[in-house]
Amino acid sequence: MDRKRALEIHQSLDLIAVSYKGNPVYLQQVDPMTNKARVLPLDNLHREFDVEISNLQERA
């Protein structure tokens, strides 16, 4: 995923499916300066971590 799309998804009022390594995640924060996003795995909302935006995928 590119930085622009990650920001669009993060700012959207719609629920847009995103995954990291095949697992669904919620974009909690997007930092365009570092090209990283803070994500929450949907199967474990207590485990948040940062990932490279390029490693995220929009799910159809």
C-alpha atoms as a PDB file:
ATOM      1  CA  MET A   1       0.000   0.000   0.000  1.00  0.00           C
ATOM      2  CA  ASP A   2       1.219   3.515  -0.588  1.00  0.00           C
ATOM      3  CA  ARG A   3       1.263   6.347   1.948  1.00  0.00           C
ATOM      4  CA  LYS A   4      -1.530   8.323   0.252  1.00  0.00           C
ATOM      5  CA  ARG A   5      -3.941   5.375   0.311  1.00  0.00           C
ATOM      6  CA  ALA A   6      -3.089   4.547   3.932  1.00  0.00           C
ATOM      7  CA  LEU A   7      -3.948   8.122   4.919  1.00  0.00           C
ATOM      8  CA  GLU A   8      -7.216   7.966   2.949  1.00  0.00           C
ATOM      9  CA  ILE A   9      -8.223   4.737   4.683  1.00  0.00           C
ATOM     10  CA  HIS A  10      -7.274   6.073   8.105  1.00  0.00           C
ATOM     11  CA  GLN A  11      -9.315   9.267   7.589  1.00  0.00           C
ATOM     12  CA  SER A  12     -12.303   7.511   6.020  1.00  0.00           C
ATOM     13  CA  LEU A  13     -15.573   7.164   7.883  1.00  0.00           C
ATOM     14  CA  ASP A  14     -16.102   3.860   6.058  1.00  0.00           C
ATOM     15  CA  LEU A  15     -14.724   0.574   7.326  1.00  0.00           C
ATOM     16  CA  ILE A  16     -12.123  -0.466   4.751  1.00  0.00           C
ATOM     17  CA  ALA A  17     -10.521  -3.884   5.128  1.00  0.00           C
ATOM     18  CA  VAL A  18      -6.731  -3.832   5.537  1.00  0.00           C
ATOM     19  CA  SER A  19      -4.391  -6.695   6.261  1.00  0.00           C
ATOM     20  CA  TYR A  20      -0.817  -7.171   7.439  1.00  0.00           C
ATOM     21  CA  LYS A  21       0.814 -10.506   6.618  1.00  0.00           C
ATOM     22  CA  GLY A  22      -2.623 -11.854   5.746  1.00  0.00           C
ATOM     23  CA  ASN A  23      -4.189 -10.871   9.065  1.00  0.00           C
ATOM     24  CA  PRO A  24      -6.902  -8.197   9.288  1.00  0.00           C
ATOM     25  CA  VAL A  25      -5.820  -5.038  11.097  1.00  0.00           C
ATOM     26  CA  TYR A  26      -7.228  -1.646  12.048  1.00  0.00           C
ATOM     27  CA  LEU A  27      -5.170   1.433  11.142  1.00  0.00           C
ATOM     28  CA  GLN A  28      -4.945   3.358  14.387  1.00  0.00           C
ATOM     29  CA  GLN A  29      -2.427   5.938  13.186  1.00  0.00           C
ATOM     30  CA  VAL A  30      -0.503   6.720   9.989  1.00  0.00           C
ATOM     31  CA  ASP A  31       2.774   8.649  10.078  1.00  0.00           C
ATOM     32  CA  PRO A  32       3.595   9.913   6.574  1.00  0.00           C
ATOM     33  CA  MET A  33       6.998  11.193   7.727  1.00  0.00           C
ATOM     34  CA  THR A  34       8.268   7.735   8.707  1.00  0.00           C
ATOM     35  CA  ASN A  35       6.076   5.719   6.294  1.00  0.00           C
ATOM     36  CA  LYS A  36       4.827   3.666   9.222  1.00  0.00           C
ATOM     37  CA  ALA A  37       1.399   2.868  10.574  1.00  0.00           C
ATOM     38  CA  ARG A  38       0.309   1.823  14.047  1.00  0.00           C
ATOM     39  CA  VAL A  39      -2.032  -1.135  13.665  1.00  0.00           C
ATOM     40  CA  LEU A  40      -4.269  -3.217  15.885  1.00  0.00           C
ATOM     41  CA  PRO A  41      -4.830  -6.843  14.878  1.00  0.00           C
ATOM     42  CA  LEU A  42      -8.582  -7.438  14.845  1.00  0.00           C
ATOM     43  CA  ASP A  43      -8.107 -10.753  16.641  1.00  0.00           C
ATOM     44  CA  ASN A  44      -6.115  -9.124  19.489  1.00  0.00           C
ATOM     45  CA  LEU A  45      -6.959  -5.453  20.042  1.00  0.00           C
ATOM     46  CA  HIS A  46      -4.561  -5.239  23.003  1.00  0.00           C
ATOM     47  CA  ARG A  47      -1.515  -5.866  20.815  1.00  0.00           C
ATOM     48  CA  GLU A  48      -0.721  -2.729  18.822  1.00  0.00           C
ATOM     49  CA  PHE A  49       2.485  -2.321  16.845  1.00  0.00           C
ATOM     50  CA  ASP A  50       4.083  -0.276  14.064  1.00  0.00           C
ATOM     51  CA  VAL A  51       4.553  -1.569  10.524  1.00  0.00           C
ATOM     52  CA  GLU A  52       5.885  -0.213   7.246  1.00  0.00           C
ATOM     53  CA  ILE A  53       2.975   1.154   5.205  1.00  0.00           C
ATOM     54  CA  SER A  54       4.291  -0.723   2.162  1.00  0.00           C
ATOM     55  CA  ASN A  55       3.626  -4.008   4.016  1.00  0.00           C
ATOM     56  CA  LEU A  56      -0.109  -3.301   4.332  1.00  0.00           C
ATOM     57  CA  GLN A  57      -2.635  -4.550   1.815  1.00  0.00           C
ATOM     58  CA  GLU A  58      -6.144  -3.358   1.114  1.00  0.00           C
ATOM     59  CA  ARG A  59      -8.474  -6.343   1.093  1.00  0.00           C
ATOM     60  CA  ALA A  60     -11.199  -6.642  -1.490  1.00  0.00           C
END
